[in-house]
Protein backbone atom coordinates (compact mmCIF):
# COMPACT_ATOMS: atom_id res chain seq x y z
CA MET A 1 166.42 76.39 159.61
CA GLU A 2 169.46 75.76 161.73
CA ALA A 3 170.20 79.74 161.80
CA LEU A 4 166.36 80.30 162.71
CA GLU A 5 167.47 78.16 165.83
CA ILE A 6 169.95 79.83 167.39
CA GLU A 7 168.29 81.86 170.37
CA LEU A 8 171.50 84.18 171.38
CA SER A 9 173.89 85.70 169.50
CA ILE A 10 177.03 87.15 171.74
CA VAL A 11 179.08 89.58 169.64
CA MET A 12 182.12 91.32 170.38
CA PRO A 13 184.21 93.84 168.75
CA CYS A 14 187.69 93.38 168.29
CA LEU A 15 191.01 95.19 167.74
CA ASN A 16 194.34 93.90 168.72
CA GLU A 17 192.63 92.00 171.98
CA ALA A 18 194.94 89.05 172.16
CA GLU A 19 195.65 89.26 175.73
CA THR A 20 191.77 89.01 176.82
CA LEU A 21 190.18 87.87 173.87
CA GLN A 22 190.26 83.90 175.04
CA VAL A 23 189.09 84.35 178.81
CA CYS A 24 186.04 86.20 177.22
CA ILE A 25 185.25 83.68 174.82
CA GLU A 26 185.52 80.77 176.97
CA LYS A 27 183.05 82.80 179.79
CA ALA A 28 180.95 83.50 176.78
CA LYS A 29 180.52 79.62 175.86
CA SER A 30 180.87 78.46 179.44
CA PHE A 31 177.50 80.77 180.05
CA LEU A 32 175.59 79.19 177.31
CA GLU A 33 176.26 75.72 177.94
CA SER A 34 175.22 76.35 181.63
CA SER A 35 172.17 78.03 180.79
CA GLN A 36 171.81 75.61 178.11
CA ILE A 37 171.18 78.13 175.42
CA ARG A 38 171.46 77.29 172.01
CA GLY A 39 174.03 80.45 170.76
CA GLU A 40 176.97 81.66 168.96
CA ILE A 41 180.11 83.90 169.41
CA VAL A 42 180.50 86.48 167.00
CA ILE A 43 183.94 88.10 167.01
CA SER A 44 183.76 91.27 164.72
CA ASP A 45 187.58 92.08 163.97
CA ASN A 46 188.36 95.49 163.05
CA GLY A 47 191.84 95.13 161.60
CA SER A 48 193.29 93.26 164.58
CA THR A 49 197.40 92.84 163.97
CA ASP A 50 198.38 90.74 166.73
CA GLY A 51 196.57 87.27 165.84
CA SER A 52 193.59 87.78 167.26
CA GLN A 53 191.18 86.35 164.80
CA ASP A 54 193.26 82.99 165.34
CA ILE A 55 192.85 82.92 168.53
CA ALA A 56 189.16 83.01 168.17
CA LEU A 57 188.64 80.97 165.37
CA GLU A 58 190.82 78.44 167.88
CA ASN A 59 188.30 78.89 170.79
CA GLY A 60 185.14 78.08 168.71
CA ALA A 61 184.04 81.55 167.50
CA ARG A 62 183.22 82.75 164.40
CA VAL A 63 185.08 85.35 162.61
CA VAL A 64 183.61 88.32 160.68
CA HIS A 65 185.89 91.31 159.51
CA ALA A 66 184.79 94.69 159.70
CA PRO A 67 186.40 96.90 157.03
CA GLU A 68 185.27 100.15 158.15
CA LYS A 69 187.31 101.15 161.17
CA GLY A 70 185.62 102.24 164.28
CA TYR A 71 183.72 101.08 167.50
CA GLY A 72 180.54 101.41 165.71
CA ALA A 73 181.62 99.82 162.75
CA ALA A 74 182.43 97.13 164.60
CA LEU A 75 179.41 96.47 166.34
CA LEU A 76 177.61 97.36 163.08
CA THR A 77 179.49 93.96 160.85
CA GLY A 78 178.69 91.90 163.83
CA ILE A 79 175.28 92.33 164.46
CA GLN A 80 174.35 92.00 161.25
CA SER A 81 175.85 88.71 160.50
CA ALA A 82 174.57 87.55 163.87
CA GLU A 83 172.40 84.82 163.61
CA GLY A 84 170.55 84.75 166.86
CA LYS A 85 167.07 86.30 167.58
CA TYR A 86 168.61 87.73 170.40
CA VAL A 87 172.03 89.77 170.75
CA ILE A 88 174.29 90.65 173.43
CA MET A 89 176.95 92.69 172.83
CA GLY A 90 180.26 93.24 174.56
CA ASP A 91 184.04 94.40 174.55
CA ALA A 92 186.65 92.24 174.39
CA ASP A 93 188.84 93.13 177.08
CA ASP A 94 187.38 90.99 180.07
CA SER A 95 185.90 94.10 181.80
CA TYR A 96 182.69 92.48 181.72
CA ASP A 97 181.63 89.00 182.96
CA PHE A 98 180.46 86.93 180.13
CA LEU A 99 178.91 84.33 182.74
CA GLY A 100 176.33 86.47 183.91
CA LEU A 101 174.51 86.98 181.22
CA MET A 102 171.19 85.68 182.12
CA PRO A 103 169.59 88.54 183.43
CA TYR A 104 169.73 90.19 180.38
CA VAL A 105 168.10 87.23 178.65
CA VAL A 106 165.78 87.33 181.50
CA LYS A 107 164.47 90.53 180.40
CA LEU A 108 164.80 90.16 176.20
CA ARG A 109 162.49 86.92 177.41
CA GLU A 110 159.96 88.96 178.71
CA GLY A 111 159.76 91.23 175.90
CA TYR A 112 162.05 93.85 176.14
CA ASP A 113 163.72 95.57 173.13
CA LEU A 114 166.45 96.71 174.47
CA VAL A 115 168.15 95.56 177.82
CA MET A 116 170.98 98.23 179.05
CA GLY A 117 173.59 97.38 181.60
CA ASN A 118 173.97 99.52 184.94
CA ARG A 119 177.48 99.75 186.28
CA PHE A 120 176.69 102.46 188.85
CA LYS A 121 174.06 99.79 190.45
CA GLY A 122 176.13 96.90 189.90
CA GLY A 123 179.32 98.27 191.16
CA ILE A 124 182.38 99.62 189.28
CA LYS A 125 185.44 97.83 190.73
CA LYS A 126 188.71 100.06 192.07
CA GLY A 127 190.05 101.20 188.72
CA ALA A 128 188.08 99.97 186.37
CA MET A 129 186.71 103.46 184.89
CA PRO A 130 188.79 106.72 185.52
CA PHE A 131 187.39 109.26 187.77
CA ILE A 132 186.86 111.85 185.00
CA HIS A 133 184.66 109.10 183.38
CA LYS A 134 182.82 108.07 186.88
CA TYR A 135 181.99 111.27 188.04
CA LEU A 136 181.93 113.83 185.13
CA GLY A 137 181.09 112.23 181.59
CA ASN A 138 178.97 109.25 182.55
CA PRO A 139 176.41 111.47 184.57
CA VAL A 140 176.67 114.49 182.67
CA LEU A 141 175.80 112.42 179.38
CA SER A 142 173.56 110.61 180.63
CA PHE A 143 172.07 113.38 182.40
CA ILE A 144 171.32 115.22 179.08
CA GLY A 145 170.27 111.72 177.37
CA ARG A 146 167.64 111.40 179.99
CA LEU A 147 166.41 115.22 179.55
CA PHE A 148 166.49 115.43 175.86
CA PHE A 149 164.69 112.11 175.05
CA LYS A 150 163.15 110.97 178.06
CA ILE A 151 164.78 107.95 178.78
CA PRO A 152 164.92 106.36 181.69
CA ILE A 153 168.36 105.08 181.39
CA ARG A 154 171.08 105.95 184.43
CA ASP A 155 174.30 104.94 182.52
CA PHE A 156 173.70 105.54 178.60
CA HIS A 157 177.10 103.85 177.65
CA CYS A 158 177.43 100.62 179.09
CA GLY A 159 178.84 98.61 176.44
CA LEU A 160 177.45 95.54 177.78
CA ARG A 161 173.87 95.47 176.50
CA GLY A 162 171.07 93.16 175.14
CA PHE A 163 168.27 93.67 172.07
CA LYS A 164 166.14 92.12 169.92
CA LYS A 165 168.27 91.28 166.19
CA GLN A 166 164.56 92.48 164.50
CA SER A 167 164.59 95.64 166.85
CA PHE A 168 168.22 96.27 166.03
CA ILE A 169 167.34 96.14 162.62
CA LYS A 170 164.60 98.65 162.96
CA MET A 171 166.90 101.21 164.84
CA ASP A 172 168.61 101.80 161.76
CA LEU A 173 171.92 102.99 163.07
CA HIS A 174 174.56 105.05 161.20
CA THR A 175 177.23 106.07 163.27
CA THR A 176 180.60 104.36 162.94
CA GLY A 177 182.02 105.67 166.23
CA MET A 178 181.59 105.11 170.12
CA GLU A 179 178.51 107.27 169.84
CA PHE A 180 177.12 104.46 168.34
CA ALA A 181 176.55 103.73 172.24
CA SER A 182 174.30 106.63 172.62
CA GLU A 183 172.74 106.38 168.90
CA MET A 184 171.01 102.97 169.75
CA ILE A 185 169.37 104.37 173.32
CA VAL A 186 167.87 107.13 171.30
CA LYS A 187 167.25 105.73 168.45
CA ALA A 188 165.15 102.73 170.44
CA ALA A 189 163.25 105.65 172.38
CA LEU A 190 162.36 107.16 169.26
CA ASN A 191 160.93 103.85 168.08
CA LYS A 192 158.98 103.53 170.98
CA MET A 193 160.33 100.37 172.17
CA LYS A 194 160.81 98.64 175.64
CA ILE A 195 163.95 99.45 177.25
CA SER A 196 165.19 98.31 180.86
CA GLU A 197 168.40 98.22 182.96
CA VAL A 198 169.98 95.30 184.62
CA PRO A 199 172.59 95.85 187.26
CA THR A 200 176.24 95.16 185.97
CA VAL A 201 179.49 94.90 187.14
CA LEU A 202 182.65 96.84 185.74
CA SER A 203 186.06 95.39 186.63
CA PRO A 204 189.90 96.56 185.23
CA ASP A 205 190.31 95.57 181.64
CA GLY A 206 193.20 92.71 181.53
CA ARG A 207 194.99 94.60 178.69
CA SER A 208 198.17 95.94 179.49
CA ARG A 209 197.88 98.87 176.09
CA PRO A 210 195.52 101.72 176.81
CA PRO A 211 191.99 101.71 176.29
CA HIS A 212 190.81 102.69 172.43
CA LEU A 213 188.78 105.36 174.21
CA ARG A 214 189.52 108.78 174.20
CA THR A 215 188.06 110.78 176.92
CA TRP A 216 187.54 114.30 175.48
CA ARG A 217 187.33 113.20 171.55
CA ASP A 218 184.75 110.72 172.31
CA GLY A 219 183.05 112.44 175.04
CA TRP A 220 182.44 115.71 172.49
CA ARG A 221 181.31 112.54 169.73
CA HIS A 222 178.93 111.45 172.27
CA LEU A 223 177.52 115.05 173.29
CA ARG A 224 177.36 116.11 169.32
CA PHE A 225 175.24 113.09 168.71
CA LEU A 226 173.15 113.59 171.38
CA LEU A 227 172.46 117.36 170.21
CA MET A 228 172.20 116.69 166.53
CA PHE A 229 169.11 114.16 167.28
CA SER A 230 167.29 117.03 169.82
CA PRO A 231 166.74 120.06 167.51
CA ASN A 232 164.64 120.81 170.37
CA TRP A 233 167.29 121.76 172.63
CA LEU A 234 169.64 122.28 169.94
CA PHE A 235 167.13 125.17 167.95
CA LEU A 236 163.68 125.38 169.51
CA TYR A 237 164.66 126.40 173.44
CA PRO A 238 167.32 128.38 173.14
CA GLY A 239 165.75 130.35 169.73
CA ALA A 240 162.57 130.57 171.89
CA VAL A 241 163.92 132.38 175.38
CA ILE A 242 166.06 134.53 172.61
CA THR A 243 163.05 135.56 170.99
CA ILE A 244 160.77 136.09 173.89
CA LEU A 245 163.91 138.16 175.99
CA ALA A 246 164.83 140.30 172.90
CA ALA A 247 161.08 140.93 171.85
CA ALA A 248 160.27 142.39 175.59
CA PHE A 249 162.98 143.98 176.41
CA SER A 250 163.15 145.76 172.49
CA PHE A 251 159.15 146.82 173.04
CA ILE A 252 160.68 148.57 176.51
CA LEU A 253 163.94 150.51 175.04
CA VAL A 254 161.86 151.41 172.25
CA LEU A 255 159.62 153.38 174.25
CA LYS A 256 162.05 154.98 176.57
CA PRO A 257 165.72 154.28 177.81
CA VAL A 258 165.59 152.59 180.75
CA SER A 259 168.03 153.34 183.60
CA LEU A 260 169.18 150.71 186.15
CA GLY A 261 172.06 151.37 189.00
CA GLY A 262 173.24 154.11 187.03
CA ILE A 263 173.61 152.26 183.58
CA THR A 264 170.99 153.60 180.61
CA PHE A 265 170.18 151.03 177.78
CA ASP A 266 169.53 153.16 175.01
CA ILE A 267 169.57 152.78 170.92
CA HIS A 268 172.93 150.55 171.56
CA THR A 269 171.42 147.97 173.29
CA ILE A 270 168.07 148.03 171.00
CA ILE A 271 170.61 147.43 168.37
CA ILE A 272 171.73 144.57 169.85
CA MET A 273 168.30 143.17 170.94
CA ALA A 274 167.03 143.56 167.32
CA PHE A 275 169.64 141.63 165.90
CA MET A 276 169.15 138.93 168.66
CA LEU A 277 165.72 138.88 167.84
CA ILE A 278 166.58 138.01 164.21
CA ILE A 279 168.62 135.27 165.59
CA GLY A 280 166.06 133.84 167.78
CA ILE A 281 163.60 133.75 164.92
CA GLN A 282 165.90 131.74 162.71
CA LEU A 283 167.04 129.09 165.26
CA ILE A 284 163.52 128.46 165.89
CA PHE A 285 162.87 127.90 161.80
CA PHE A 286 166.20 125.92 161.43
CA HIS A 287 164.29 123.35 164.45
CA TYR A 288 161.72 122.77 162.10
CA PHE A 289 164.18 122.35 159.25
CA VAL A 290 165.86 119.67 161.18
CA LYS A 291 162.84 118.14 162.02
CA ILE A 292 161.22 117.82 158.43
CA TYR A 293 164.98 116.63 157.11
CA SER A 294 165.57 113.78 159.55
CA VAL A 295 162.15 112.22 159.05
CA VAL A 296 162.60 112.40 155.27
CA LYS A 297 166.10 110.91 155.42
CA GLY A 298 164.60 107.94 157.93
CA LEU A 299 166.87 109.44 160.40
CA VAL A 300 164.40 109.51 162.93
CA PRO A 301 160.55 108.10 162.91
CA GLU A 302 157.82 110.48 161.86
CA THR A 303 155.58 111.15 164.71
CA LYS A 304 151.97 112.37 165.24
CA ASP A 305 153.28 116.08 166.25
CA PHE A 306 155.68 116.24 162.98
CA ASN A 307 152.44 115.39 161.08
CA LYS A 308 150.70 118.40 163.02
CA MET A 309 153.17 120.11 162.30
CA PHE A 310 152.32 120.61 158.66
CA ASN A 311 148.43 121.47 159.90
CA TYR A 312 149.42 124.71 161.54
CA PHE A 313 152.10 125.55 159.17
CA ASN A 314 152.24 125.44 155.68
CA LEU A 315 153.70 127.64 152.60
CA GLU A 316 150.07 129.91 151.96
CA ARG A 317 150.07 130.82 156.22
CA GLY A 318 154.09 131.69 155.41
CA LEU A 319 153.97 133.53 153.02
CA VAL A 320 150.67 135.63 154.75
CA LEU A 321 152.54 136.45 157.71
CA GLY A 322 155.49 137.08 155.73
CA LEU A 323 154.18 139.64 153.48
CA ILE A 324 152.36 141.15 156.34
CA LEU A 325 155.33 141.94 158.22
CA THR A 326 157.41 142.85 154.70
CA LEU A 327 154.91 145.49 154.44
CA LEU A 328 155.00 146.91 157.99
CA GLY A 329 158.68 147.44 156.93
CA ILE A 330 157.87 149.22 153.92
CA VAL A 331 155.30 151.48 155.58
CA GLN A 332 157.77 152.64 158.33
CA ILE A 333 160.44 153.38 156.03
CA ALA A 334 158.17 155.40 153.58
CA TYR A 335 157.25 157.07 156.70
CA ASN A 336 160.98 157.54 157.76
CA PHE A 337 161.65 158.51 154.83
CA TYR A 338 158.52 161.35 154.56
CA THR A 339 159.93 162.51 157.95
CA TRP A 340 163.29 163.04 156.55
CA GLY A 341 161.91 165.23 153.95
CA THR A 342 159.69 167.56 156.21
CA LEU A 343 163.67 168.28 157.05
CA GLY A 344 164.66 169.41 154.15
CA PHE A 345 167.01 165.44 153.97
CA GLY A 346 169.43 167.06 156.77
CA GLY A 347 170.80 165.76 159.57
CA LEU A 348 168.69 163.39 161.87
CA GLU A 349 168.93 162.59 165.74
CA PRO A 350 170.21 159.45 165.90
CA VAL A 351 168.87 158.81 169.74
CA ILE A 352 164.92 159.31 167.64
CA PHE A 353 165.90 157.82 164.08
CA VAL A 354 167.71 154.93 165.45
CA ARG A 355 164.65 153.19 166.53
CA ARG A 356 162.53 154.49 163.90
CA VAL A 357 164.91 152.43 161.27
CA LEU A 358 164.86 150.11 163.21
CA LEU A 359 161.17 149.61 163.78
CA ALA A 360 160.93 149.43 159.70
CA VAL A 361 164.16 147.34 159.26
CA VAL A 362 163.42 144.58 161.34
CA PRO A 363 159.82 143.53 160.26
CA LEU A 364 161.09 143.86 156.54
CA THR A 365 164.17 141.48 157.34
CA LEU A 366 161.60 138.66 159.19
CA GLY A 367 158.77 139.33 156.77
CA LEU A 368 161.76 138.22 153.73
CA GLN A 369 163.20 135.71 155.96
CA THR A 370 159.60 134.03 156.82
CA ILE A 371 158.95 134.08 152.86
CA MET A 372 162.18 132.43 151.94
CA TYR A 373 161.91 130.00 154.93
CA SER A 374 158.58 129.25 154.08
CA PHE A 375 159.49 128.22 150.73
CA MET A 376 161.94 125.97 151.77
CA PHE A 377 159.88 124.45 154.49
CA SER A 378 157.77 122.92 151.74
CA ILE A 379 160.48 122.17 149.35
CA ILE A 380 162.06 120.28 152.15
CA GLY A 381 158.69 118.31 153.02
CA ILE A 382 157.90 117.48 149.40
CA LYS A 383 159.21 113.93 149.29
CA ARG A 384 157.78 113.80 153.12
CA ASN A 385 154.20 114.75 150.83
CA LYS A 386 154.95 112.23 148.71
């Protein structure tokens, strides 16, 4: 019963934060006391060797040990052990002011599932954020996140954020590195949770050592995660653009060569366009495979659009389409062979017969791919149907 009475858990990941941990805990304690909020302070230690664990215990915090290395791993352990109805997570480097958490609590009490800090609205003090993070990394990755997932968040990577404990459980987060920050926002959006932002001030951290963050490595991990969880932008849209352009150019060049500014596009361009068409179709199929796999594995929630996908495309329709394309290719191959025979199986005019060969090979390839992909589509979706 006592655990149920805790309203707020303040969770800090910790890896050798002896220089700043005490002041962070003291600020968090002062906030809970001045706001008359029943809460707790949880320090999730990630293998500190500088005595951070003793500092936390001496200052009244609860220490949990995260055995797996990584920012996300430490937070997962700390948040899972939190006993509060709400959780606010923040770095233990004194870059965020734990005295100013009330705006987060207000939003959480209003019913928001996730409350993000916005450092660009609250203010970034001189020396608090590297130039490349402030003007390139954060703005670009935040823009990509808004574009891919339609999330109205301006600062994807603010380390100070609050959420309902039950909402966090529903998010079912898995990443163990810095991309944990992006996964939380994406999963909240995919689960249709209520998200809000509050201005947050970022100050220079109080550590004498370099930060754990690695600009290019961790930036790539964030971008990689956003791409992997957005099959539309990773596969579907590029595949559709490539397919449309390749099909259009192929159709024009099959009829006759095209000259532009003294450059003639002929059979060599047709060959390239034929391969691009096949690649474009493959990317579109991969998009559906990734979507099905992600839902079946529980990485993303099932949606109405996902269910509609199975109404429009199934094994039988895929087989029919694949067989039609395959037969078209076989018929064209037979016609080419017959034409060759009428010429005594001798030498052929490349400019003419390359076009005819491609008219046979491309439909045949796409037809066989469609048949195989249709079976794969159905096999991956078996568990979903169950």
